[in-house]
PDB file of N, CA and C in Angstrom:
ATOM      1  N   MET A   1     -23.916  -0.387  14.139  1.00  0.00           N
ATOM      2  CA  MET A   1     -22.116  -1.237  13.980  1.00  0.00           C
ATOM      3  C   MET A   1     -23.171  -2.259  13.836  1.00  0.00           C
ATOM      4  N   ILE A   2     -22.668  -3.109  12.416  1.00  0.00           N
ATOM      5  CA  ILE A   2     -23.370  -4.528  12.350  1.00  0.00           C
ATOM      6  C   ILE A   2     -22.020  -5.400  13.110  1.00  0.00           C
ATOM      7  N   ASP A   3     -22.673  -6.373  12.998  1.00  0.00           N
ATOM      8  CA  ASP A   3     -22.161  -7.308  13.460  1.00  0.00           C
ATOM      9  C   ASP A   3     -21.088  -8.260  12.375  1.00  0.00           C
ATOM     10  N   ARG A   4     -19.356  -8.003  11.834  1.00  0.00           N
ATOM     11  CA  ARG A   4     -18.849  -8.117  10.574  1.00  0.00           C
ATOM     12  C   ARG A   4     -17.903  -9.537  10.968  1.00  0.00           C
ATOM     13  N   ILE A   5     -17.216  -9.730   9.919  1.00  0.00           N
ATOM     14  CA  ILE A   5     -16.520 -10.861  10.078  1.00  0.00           C
ATOM     15  C   ILE A   5     -14.846  -9.583   9.693  1.00  0.00           C
ATOM     16  N   ASP A   6     -13.634  -9.715  10.834  1.00  0.00           N
ATOM     17  CA  ASP A   6     -12.567  -9.185  10.393  1.00  0.00           C
ATOM     18  C   ASP A   6     -11.645  -9.151   9.092  1.00  0.00           C
ATOM     19  N   ARG A   7     -11.120  -7.738   9.087  1.00  0.00           N
ATOM     20  CA  ARG A   7     -10.178  -7.981   7.557  1.00  0.00           C
ATOM     21  C   ARG A   7      -9.745  -8.866   7.067  1.00  0.00           C
ATOM     22  N   LYS A   8      -8.868  -9.429   7.881  1.00  0.00           N
ATOM     23  CA  LYS A   8      -7.884 -10.737   7.932  1.00  0.00           C
ATOM     24  C   LYS A   8      -8.883 -11.839   7.175  1.00  0.00           C
ATOM     25  N   LYS A   9      -9.906 -11.918   8.053  1.00  0.00           N
ATOM     26  CA  LYS A   9     -10.707 -13.694   7.107  1.00  0.00           C
ATOM     27  C   LYS A   9     -11.356 -12.845   5.505  1.00  0.00           C
ATOM     28  N   ALA A  10     -11.562 -11.790   5.160  1.00  0.00           N
ATOM     29  CA  ALA A  10     -12.230 -10.791   4.232  1.00  0.00           C
ATOM     30  C   ALA A  10     -11.014 -10.744   2.781  1.00  0.00           C
ATOM     31  N   ILE A  11      -9.499 -11.064   3.391  1.00  0.00           N
ATOM     32  CA  ILE A  11      -8.421 -10.992   2.982  1.00  0.00           C
ATOM     33  C   ILE A  11      -8.301 -12.823   2.692  1.00  0.00           C
ATOM     34  N   LYS A  12      -8.704 -13.438   3.396  1.00  0.00           N
ATOM     35  CA  LYS A  12      -8.359 -15.010   2.630  1.00  0.00           C
ATOM     36  C   LYS A  12      -9.495 -15.526   2.138  1.00  0.00           C
ATOM     37  N   ASN A  13     -10.559 -14.551   2.346  1.00  0.00           N
ATOM     38  CA  ASN A  13     -11.335 -15.249   1.681  1.00  0.00           C
ATOM     39  C   ASN A  13     -11.698 -14.921   0.026  1.00  0.00           C
ATOM     40  N   SER A  14     -11.055 -13.353  -0.290  1.00  0.00           N
ATOM     41  CA  SER A  14     -10.454 -12.934  -1.691  1.00  0.00           C
ATOM     42  C   SER A  14      -9.543 -13.928  -1.968  1.00  0.00           C
ATOM     43  N   ILE A  15      -8.636 -14.007  -1.100  1.00  0.00           N
ATOM     44  CA  ILE A  15      -7.188 -14.753  -1.742  1.00  0.00           C
ATOM     45  C   ILE A  15      -7.960 -16.300  -2.251  1.00  0.00           C
ATOM     46  N   ASP A  16      -8.527 -17.107  -1.484  1.00  0.00           N
ATOM     47  CA  ASP A  16      -9.168 -18.295  -2.015  1.00  0.00           C
ATOM     48  C   ASP A  16      -9.505 -18.107  -2.748  1.00  0.00           C
ATOM     49  N   TYR A  17     -10.881 -16.980  -3.476  1.00  0.00           N
ATOM     50  CA  TYR A  17     -11.774 -17.300  -4.234  1.00  0.00           C
ATOM     51  C   TYR A  17     -10.827 -17.344  -5.442  1.00  0.00           C
ATOM     52  N   VAL A  18     -10.074 -15.740  -5.968  1.00  0.00           N
ATOM     53  CA  VAL A  18      -9.421 -15.568  -6.771  1.00  0.00           C
ATOM     54  C   VAL A  18      -8.249 -17.022  -6.930  1.00  0.00           C
ATOM     55  N   GLU A  19      -7.766 -17.987  -5.778  1.00  0.00           N
ATOM     56  CA  GLU A  19      -7.054 -18.616  -6.243  1.00  0.00           C
ATOM     57  C   GLU A  19      -7.885 -19.721  -7.241  1.00  0.00           C
ATOM     58  N   ASP A  20      -8.957 -19.805  -6.318  1.00  0.00           N
ATOM     59  CA  ASP A  20     -10.151 -21.388  -6.974  1.00  0.00           C
ATOM     60  C   ASP A  20     -10.855 -20.493  -8.386  1.00  0.00           C
ATOM     61  N   VAL A  21     -10.827 -19.407  -9.019  1.00  0.00           N
ATOM     62  CA  VAL A  21     -11.110 -18.764 -10.735  1.00  0.00           C
ATOM     63  C   VAL A  21     -10.350 -19.223 -10.676  1.00  0.00           C
ATOM     64  N   TYR A  22      -9.063 -18.646 -10.494  1.00  0.00           N
ATOM     65  CA  TYR A  22      -7.719 -18.335 -11.920  1.00  0.00           C
ATOM     66  C   TYR A  22      -7.270 -19.564 -11.732  1.00  0.00           C
ATOM     67  N   GLY A  23      -6.837 -19.814 -10.329  1.00  0.00           N
ATOM     68  CA  GLY A  23      -5.498 -21.113 -10.635  1.00  0.00           C
ATOM     69  C   GLY A  23      -4.222 -20.329  -9.856  1.00  0.00           C
ATOM     70  N   SER A  24      -2.980 -20.486  -9.473  1.00  0.00           N
ATOM     71  CA  SER A  24      -2.118 -20.014  -8.500  1.00  0.00           C
ATOM     72  C   SER A  24      -1.374 -19.443  -9.662  1.00  0.00           C
ATOM     73  N   LEU A  25      -1.430 -18.084  -9.012  1.00  0.00           N
ATOM     74  CA  LEU A  25      -0.857 -16.751  -9.770  1.00  0.00           C
ATOM     75  C   LEU A  25      -0.138 -16.037  -9.465  1.00  0.00           C
ATOM     76  N   ASN A  26       0.722 -15.175  -9.848  1.00  0.00           N
ATOM     77  CA  ASN A  26       2.185 -15.568 -10.334  1.00  0.00           C
ATOM     78  C   ASN A  26       2.173 -13.862  -9.207  1.00  0.00           C
ATOM     79  N   GLY A  27       3.111 -13.732  -8.424  1.00  0.00           N
ATOM     80  CA  GLY A  27       3.085 -12.444  -7.337  1.00  0.00           C
ATOM     81  C   GLY A  27       1.548 -12.153  -7.328  1.00  0.00           C
ATOM     82  N   LEU A  28       1.165 -12.591  -6.581  1.00  0.00           N
ATOM     83  CA  LEU A  28      -0.392 -12.180  -6.245  1.00  0.00           C
ATOM     84  C   LEU A  28      -0.295 -11.680  -4.277  1.00  0.00           C
ATOM     85  N   ASN A  29      -0.907 -10.479  -4.275  1.00  0.00           N
ATOM     86  CA  ASN A  29      -0.490  -9.451  -3.405  1.00  0.00           C
ATOM     87  C   ASN A  29      -1.525  -8.268  -3.212  1.00  0.00           C
ATOM     88  N   LEU A  30      -1.680  -8.143  -1.511  1.00  0.00           N
ATOM     89  CA  LEU A  30      -2.797  -7.596  -1.592  1.00  0.00           C
ATOM     90  C   LEU A  30      -2.180  -5.506  -1.726  1.00  0.00           C
ATOM     91  N   GLU A  31      -3.910  -5.171  -2.485  1.00  0.00           N
ATOM     92  CA  GLU A  31      -2.794  -3.694  -3.090  1.00  0.00           C
ATOM     93  C   GLU A  31      -3.826  -3.300  -2.230  1.00  0.00           C
ATOM     94  N   GLU A  32      -5.106  -3.130  -1.482  1.00  0.00           N
ATOM     95  CA  GLU A  32      -6.264  -2.194  -0.861  1.00  0.00           C
ATOM     96  C   GLU A  32      -6.964  -2.352   0.065  1.00  0.00           C
ATOM     97  N   ILE A  33      -7.710  -2.210   1.406  1.00  0.00           N
ATOM     98  CA  ILE A  33      -8.348  -3.006   1.445  1.00  0.00           C
ATOM     99  C   ILE A  33      -8.962  -1.213   1.980  1.00  0.00           C
ATOM    100  N   ASP A  34     -10.674  -1.719   1.981  1.00  0.00           N
ATOM    101  CA  ASP A  34     -11.373  -0.733   2.208  1.00  0.00           C
ATOM    102  C   ASP A  34     -12.915  -1.474   2.416  1.00  0.00           C
ATOM    103  N   ILE A  35     -13.612  -0.501   3.456  1.00  0.00           N
ATOM    104  CA  ILE A  35     -14.970  -0.981   3.832  1.00  0.00           C
ATOM    105  C   ILE A  35     -16.434   0.112   3.257  1.00  0.00           C
ATOM    106  N   SER A  36     -17.224  -0.995   2.967  1.00  0.00           N
ATOM    107  CA  SER A  36     -17.998   0.815   2.017  1.00  0.00           C
ATOM    108  C   SER A  36     -18.679   1.030   3.374  1.00  0.00           C
ATOM    109  N   ASP A  37     -19.472   2.243   2.382  1.00  0.00           N
ATOM    110  CA  ASP A  37     -19.560   3.062   3.405  1.00  0.00           C
ATOM    111  C   ASP A  37     -20.895   2.936   4.612  1.00  0.00           C
ATOM    112  N   ASP A  38     -21.876   2.026   4.030  1.00  0.00           N
ATOM    113  CA  ASP A  38     -22.548   1.547   4.628  1.00  0.00           C
ATOM    114  C   ASP A  38     -21.752   0.138   5.581  1.00  0.00           C
ATOM    115  N   GLU A  39     -21.222  -0.199   5.518  1.00  0.00           N
ATOM    116  CA  GLU A  39     -20.389  -1.176   6.298  1.00  0.00           C
ATOM    117  C   GLU A  39     -20.923  -2.282   5.739  1.00  0.00           C
ATOM    118  N   ARG A  40     -21.533  -2.877   4.633  1.00  0.00           N
ATOM    119  CA  ARG A  40     -21.664  -4.237   3.998  1.00  0.00           C
ATOM    120  C   ARG A  40     -21.052  -5.195   3.742  1.00  0.00           C
ATOM    121  N   PHE A  41     -19.674  -4.259   2.684  1.00  0.00           N
ATOM    122  CA  PHE A  41     -18.884  -4.892   2.007  1.00  0.00           C
ATOM    123  C   PHE A  41     -17.226  -4.660   2.906  1.00  0.00           C
ATOM    124  N   TRP A  42     -16.316  -5.610   2.424  1.00  0.00           N
ATOM    125  CA  TRP A  42     -15.404  -6.003   2.204  1.00  0.00           C
ATOM    126  C   TRP A  42     -15.216  -5.142   1.178  1.00  0.00           C
ATOM    127  N   LEU A  43     -14.023  -4.074   0.873  1.00  0.00           N
ATOM    128  CA  LEU A  43     -13.798  -4.185  -0.414  1.00  0.00           C
ATOM    129  C   LEU A  43     -11.828  -4.280  -0.708  1.00  0.00           C
ATOM    130  N   ILE A  44     -11.878  -5.446  -1.018  1.00  0.00           N
ATOM    131  CA  ILE A  44     -10.524  -5.613  -1.093  1.00  0.00           C
ATOM    132  C   ILE A  44      -9.903  -6.333  -2.692  1.00  0.00           C
ATOM    133  N   THR A  45      -8.914  -5.590  -2.165  1.00  0.00           N
ATOM    134  CA  THR A  45      -8.252  -5.214  -3.832  1.00  0.00           C
ATOM    135  C   THR A  45      -6.938  -5.870  -3.682  1.00  0.00           C
ATOM    136  N   LEU A  46      -6.869  -6.990  -5.116  1.00  0.00           N
ATOM    137  CA  LEU A  46      -4.926  -8.241  -4.891  1.00  0.00           C
ATOM    138  C   LEU A  46      -4.932  -7.207  -6.731  1.00  0.00           C
ATOM    139  N   GLY A  47      -3.595  -7.679  -6.399  1.00  0.00           N
ATOM    140  CA  GLY A  47      -2.625  -7.329  -7.510  1.00  0.00           C
ATOM    141  C   GLY A  47      -1.706  -8.926  -8.023  1.00  0.00           C
ATOM    142  N   TRP A  48      -2.059  -9.217  -9.077  1.00  0.00           N
ATOM    143  CA  TRP A  48      -0.403  -9.780  -9.962  1.00  0.00           C
ATOM    144  C   TRP A  48      -0.631  -9.785 -11.413  1.00  0.00           C
ATOM    145  N   ASN A  49       0.739 -10.684 -11.414  1.00  0.00           N
ATOM    146  CA  ASN A  49       1.276 -10.766 -13.015  1.00  0.00           C
ATOM    147  C   ASN A  49       0.803 -11.399 -13.271  1.00  0.00           C
ATOM    148  N   ARG A  50       0.558 -11.183 -14.758  1.00  0.00           N
ATOM    149  CA  ARG A  50      -0.075 -12.380 -15.990  1.00  0.00           C
ATOM    150  C   ARG A  50       0.792 -12.095 -17.454  1.00  0.00           C
ATOM    151  N   ILE A  51       0.454 -12.826 -17.792  1.00  0.00           N
ATOM    152  CA  ILE A  51       2.109 -12.581 -19.181  1.00  0.00           C
ATOM    153  C   ILE A  51       0.728 -12.147 -20.444  1.00  0.00           C
ATOM    154  N   LYS A  52       1.508 -10.714 -21.016  1.00  0.00           N
ATOM    155  CA  LYS A  52       1.234 -10.145 -21.870  1.00  0.00           C
ATOM    156  C   LYS A  52       0.983 -11.033 -23.275  1.00  0.00           C
ATOM    157  N   LYS A  53      -0.187 -11.038 -23.863  1.00  0.00           N
ATOM    158  CA  LYS A  53      -0.458 -11.606 -25.714  1.00  0.00           C
ATOM    159  C   LYS A  53       0.677 -11.013 -26.017  1.00  0.00           C
ATOM    160  N   ALA A  54       1.590 -11.995 -26.814  1.00  0.00           N
ATOM    161  CA  ALA A  54       2.111 -10.758 -27.707  1.00  0.00           C
ATOM    162  C   ALA A  54       1.621 -10.287 -28.994  1.00  0.00           C
ATOM    163  N   THR A  55       1.769  -8.890 -28.975  1.00  0.00           N
ATOM    164  CA  THR A  55       1.428  -8.481 -30.269  1.00  0.00           C
ATOM    165  C   THR A  55       2.133  -7.953 -31.805  1.00  0.00           C
ATOM    166  N   GLY A  56       3.464  -8.489 -31.506  1.00  0.00           N
ATOM    167  CA  GLY A  56       4.439  -7.883 -32.654  1.00  0.00           C
ATOM    168  C   GLY A  56       5.317  -8.957 -32.365  1.00  0.00           C
ATOM    169  N   ILE A  57       5.797  -9.240 -33.950  1.00  0.00           N
ATOM    170  CA  ILE A  57       7.034 -10.549 -34.370  1.00  0.00           C
ATOM    171  C   ILE A  57       8.047 -10.103 -33.127  1.00  0.00           C
ATOM    172  N   SER A  58       8.494  -9.278 -32.975  1.00  0.00           N
ATOM    173  CA  SER A  58       9.904  -9.213 -32.192  1.00  0.00           C
ATOM    174  C   SER A  58       9.462  -9.748 -30.443  1.00  0.00           C
ATOM    175  N   GLU A  59       8.607  -9.769 -30.418  1.00  0.00           N
ATOM    176  CA  GLU A  59       7.391 -10.445 -28.789  1.00  0.00           C
ATOM    177  C   GLU A  59       7.618 -12.323 -29.098  1.00  0.00           C
ATOM    178  N   LEU A  60       7.114 -12.549 -30.198  1.00  0.00           N
ATOM    179  CA  LEU A  60       6.786 -13.541 -30.617  1.00  0.00           C
ATOM    180  C   LEU A  60       8.078 -14.511 -30.387  1.00  0.00           C
ATOM    181  N   GLY A  61       9.338 -14.474 -30.256  1.00  0.00           N
ATOM    182  CA  GLY A  61      10.769 -14.989 -30.384  1.00  0.00           C
ATOM    183  C   GLY A  61      11.167 -14.986 -29.011  1.00  0.00           C
ATOM    184  N   SER A  62      10.977 -14.005 -28.040  1.00  0.00           N
ATOM    185  CA  SER A  62      11.315 -13.878 -26.897  1.00  0.00           C
ATOM    186  C   SER A  62      11.133 -15.115 -25.956  1.00  0.00           C
ATOM    187  N   ILE A  63      11.813 -15.069 -25.384  1.00  0.00           N
ATOM    188  CA  ILE A  63      12.296 -15.983 -24.312  1.00  0.00           C
ATOM    189  C   ILE A  63      11.365 -15.061 -22.826  1.00  0.00           C
ATOM    190  N   PHE A  64      11.955 -14.187 -22.779  1.00  0.00           N
ATOM    191  CA  PHE A  64      11.222 -13.405 -21.820  1.00  0.00           C
ATOM    192  C   PHE A  64       9.787 -12.818 -21.844  1.00  0.00           C
ATOM    193  N   PRO A  65       8.942 -13.309 -21.923  1.00  0.00           N
ATOM    194  CA  PRO A  65       7.356 -12.440 -22.305  1.00  0.00           C
ATOM    195  C   PRO A  65       7.318 -11.504 -21.521  1.00  0.00           C
ATOM    196  N   SER A  66       6.538 -10.667 -22.298  1.00  0.00           N
ATOM    197  CA  SER A  66       6.195  -9.181 -21.245  1.00  0.00           C
ATOM    198  C   SER A  66       4.997  -9.712 -20.226  1.00  0.00           C
ATOM    199  N   THR A  67       5.084  -8.799 -18.843  1.00  0.00           N
ATOM    200  CA  THR A  67       4.150  -9.214 -18.377  1.00  0.00           C
ATOM    201  C   THR A  67       3.529  -7.740 -17.917  1.00  0.00           C
ATOM    202  N   GLU A  68       2.167  -8.255 -17.229  1.00  0.00           N
ATOM    203  CA  GLU A  68       1.285  -6.557 -16.747  1.00  0.00           C
ATOM    204  C   GLU A  68       0.347  -7.209 -15.573  1.00  0.00           C
ATOM    205  N   ARG A  69       1.076  -5.498 -14.651  1.00  0.00           N
ATOM    206  CA  ARG A  69      -0.156  -5.950 -13.558  1.00  0.00           C
ATOM    207  C   ARG A  69      -1.469  -6.082 -13.773  1.00  0.00           C
ATOM    208  N   VAL A  70      -2.045  -6.784 -12.913  1.00  0.00           N
ATOM    209  CA  VAL A  70      -3.935  -6.803 -13.127  1.00  0.00           C
ATOM    210  C   VAL A  70      -4.146  -6.877 -12.119  1.00  0.00           C
ATOM    211  N   TYR A  71      -5.198  -5.630 -11.663  1.00  0.00           N
ATOM    212  CA  TYR A  71      -5.748  -5.761 -10.424  1.00  0.00           C
ATOM    213  C   TYR A  71      -7.582  -6.112 -10.459  1.00  0.00           C
ATOM    214  N   LYS A  72      -8.096  -6.480  -9.020  1.00  0.00           N
ATOM    215  CA  LYS A  72      -8.803  -6.577  -9.646  1.00  0.00           C
ATOM    216  C   LYS A  72      -9.446  -6.339  -7.919  1.00  0.00           C
ATOM    217  N   THR A  73     -10.947  -6.075  -7.631  1.00  0.00           N
ATOM    218  CA  THR A  73     -11.576  -5.851  -6.558  1.00  0.00           C
ATOM    219  C   THR A  73     -12.840  -6.678  -6.230  1.00  0.00           C
ATOM    220  N   PHE A  74     -12.632  -6.894  -4.734  1.00  0.00           N
ATOM    221  CA  PHE A  74     -13.300  -8.169  -4.618  1.00  0.00           C
ATOM    222  C   PHE A  74     -13.995  -7.603  -3.229  1.00  0.00           C
ATOM    223  N   TYR A  75     -15.913  -7.562  -3.182  1.00  0.00           N
ATOM    224  CA  TYR A  75     -16.567  -7.291  -2.414  1.00  0.00           C
ATOM    225  C   TYR A  75     -17.058  -8.140  -1.536  1.00  0.00           C
ATOM    226  N   VAL A  76     -16.488  -8.610   0.046  1.00  0.00           N
ATOM    227  CA  VAL A  76     -17.118  -9.757   0.460  1.00  0.00           C
ATOM    228  C   VAL A  76     -18.487  -9.215   1.485  1.00  0.00           C
ATOM    229  N   ASN A  77     -18.731  -9.920   1.464  1.00  0.00           N
ATOM    230  CA  ASN A  77     -20.057  -9.291   2.551  1.00  0.00           C
ATOM    231  C   ASN A  77     -19.718  -9.281   3.528  1.00  0.00           C
ATOM    232  N   SER A  78     -20.182  -8.026   4.502  1.00  0.00           N
ATOM    233  CA  SER A  78     -19.018  -8.672   6.139  1.00  0.00           C
ATOM    234  C   SER A  78     -19.541  -8.702   6.983  1.00  0.00           C
ATOM    235  N   SER A  79     -20.623  -9.354   6.845  1.00  0.00           N
ATOM    236  CA  SER A  79     -21.640 -10.180   7.636  1.00  0.00           C
ATOM    237  C   SER A  79     -21.081 -11.913   7.852  1.00  0.00           C
ATOM    238  N   ASN A  80     -21.364 -12.166   6.123  1.00  0.00           N
ATOM    239  CA  ASN A  80     -20.967 -14.255   5.877  1.00  0.00           C
ATOM    240  C   ASN A  80     -19.372 -14.415   5.350  1.00  0.00           C
ATOM    241  N   GLY A  81     -18.812 -13.279   5.149  1.00  0.00           N
ATOM    242  CA  GLY A  81     -17.653 -13.540   4.587  1.00  0.00           C
ATOM    243  C   GLY A  81     -17.504 -13.820   2.702  1.00  0.00           C
ATOM    244  N   GLU A  82     -18.912 -14.278   2.480  1.00  0.00           N
ATOM    245  CA  GLU A  82     -18.674 -14.568   0.866  1.00  0.00           C
ATOM    246  C   GLU A  82     -18.130 -13.132   0.339  1.00  0.00           C
ATOM    247  N   VAL A  83     -17.524 -14.592  -0.721  1.00  0.00           N
ATOM    248  CA  VAL A  83     -17.090 -12.697  -2.110  1.00  0.00           C
ATOM    249  C   VAL A  83     -18.629 -13.169  -3.043  1.00  0.00           C
ATOM    250  N   GLU A  84     -19.590 -11.642  -3.066  1.00  0.00           N
ATOM    251  CA  GLU A  84     -20.094 -11.534  -3.737  1.00  0.00           C
ATOM    252  C   GLU A  84     -20.094 -10.602  -5.073  1.00  0.00           C
ATOM    253  N   LYS A  85     -18.927 -10.634  -4.954  1.00  0.00           N
ATOM    254  CA  LYS A  85     -18.731  -9.643  -6.622  1.00  0.00           C
ATOM    255  C   LYS A  85     -17.068  -9.129  -7.017  1.00  0.00           C
ATOM    256  N   MET A  86     -16.886  -9.678  -7.790  1.00  0.00           N
ATOM    257  CA  MET A  86     -15.232  -9.157  -8.601  1.00  0.00           C
ATOM    258  C   MET A  86     -15.638  -7.696  -9.988  1.00  0.00           C
ATOM    259  N   LYS A  87     -14.788  -7.079  -9.043  1.00  0.00           N
ATOM    260  CA  LYS A  87     -14.434  -6.226 -10.650  1.00  0.00           C
ATOM    261  C   LYS A  87     -12.939  -5.554 -11.302  1.00  0.00           C
ATOM    262  N   ILE A  88     -13.093  -5.239 -12.047  1.00  0.00           N
ATOM    263  CA  ILE A  88     -11.493  -4.603 -12.683  1.00  0.00           C
ATOM    264  C   ILE A  88     -11.615  -3.306 -11.406  1.00  0.00           C
ATOM    265  N   TRP A  89     -10.385  -3.105 -11.153  1.00  0.00           N
ATOM    266  CA  TRP A  89      -9.960  -2.288  -9.762  1.00  0.00           C
ATOM    267  C   TRP A  89      -9.810  -0.924 -11.049  1.00  0.00           C
ATOM    268  N   ASN A  90     -10.437   0.187 -11.336  1.00  0.00           N
ATOM    269  CA  ASN A  90     -10.357   1.484 -11.417  1.00  0.00           C
ATOM    270  C   ASN A  90      -9.510   2.489 -11.266  1.00  0.00           C
ATOM    271  N   GLY A  91      -8.445   1.853 -10.196  1.00  0.00           N
ATOM    272  CA  GLY A  91      -7.912   3.152  -9.517  1.00  0.00           C
ATOM    273  C   GLY A  91      -9.050   4.022  -8.452  1.00  0.00           C
ATOM    274  N   TYR A  92      -8.567   5.001  -7.398  1.00  0.00           N
ATOM    275  CA  TYR A  92      -9.214   5.809  -6.938  1.00  0.00           C
ATOM    276  C   TYR A  92      -9.590   6.919  -7.801  1.00  0.00           C
ATOM    277  N   ASN A  93     -10.452   7.136  -8.891  1.00  0.00           N
ATOM    278  CA  ASN A  93     -11.121   7.879  -9.327  1.00  0.00           C
ATOM    279  C   ASN A  93     -12.820   6.635  -9.529  1.00  0.00           C
ATOM    280  N   GLY A  94     -12.337   5.640  -9.923  1.00  0.00           N
ATOM    281  CA  GLY A  94     -13.367   4.323 -10.546  1.00  0.00           C
ATOM    282  C   GLY A  94     -14.418   3.791  -9.261  1.00  0.00           C
ATOM    283  N   GLU A  95     -14.137   3.925  -8.226  1.00  0.00           N
ATOM    284  CA  GLU A  95     -15.047   3.443  -6.917  1.00  0.00           C
ATOM    285  C   GLU A  95     -15.539   4.197  -6.422  1.00  0.00           C
TER     286      GLU A  95
END
């Protein structure tokens, strides 16, 4: 077993990273946490809401824009805590 940062630090680093990249996010939540089989990476999945782009005339004039949930998995180096990769979360079949 290698020395590694704890999961709370990995989560905090992921949140700091995503807020640095995207700014303040609506409904930002921890969705899933795992560690890679070789224990080199914490896999931190975060989700947040974003406004969907209007696709039709009825949506253009809406006071309440539609939102969608976005999920991303962050690969946090378990030794130094650096976020090394961000991927679109593909559910249980994609990772």
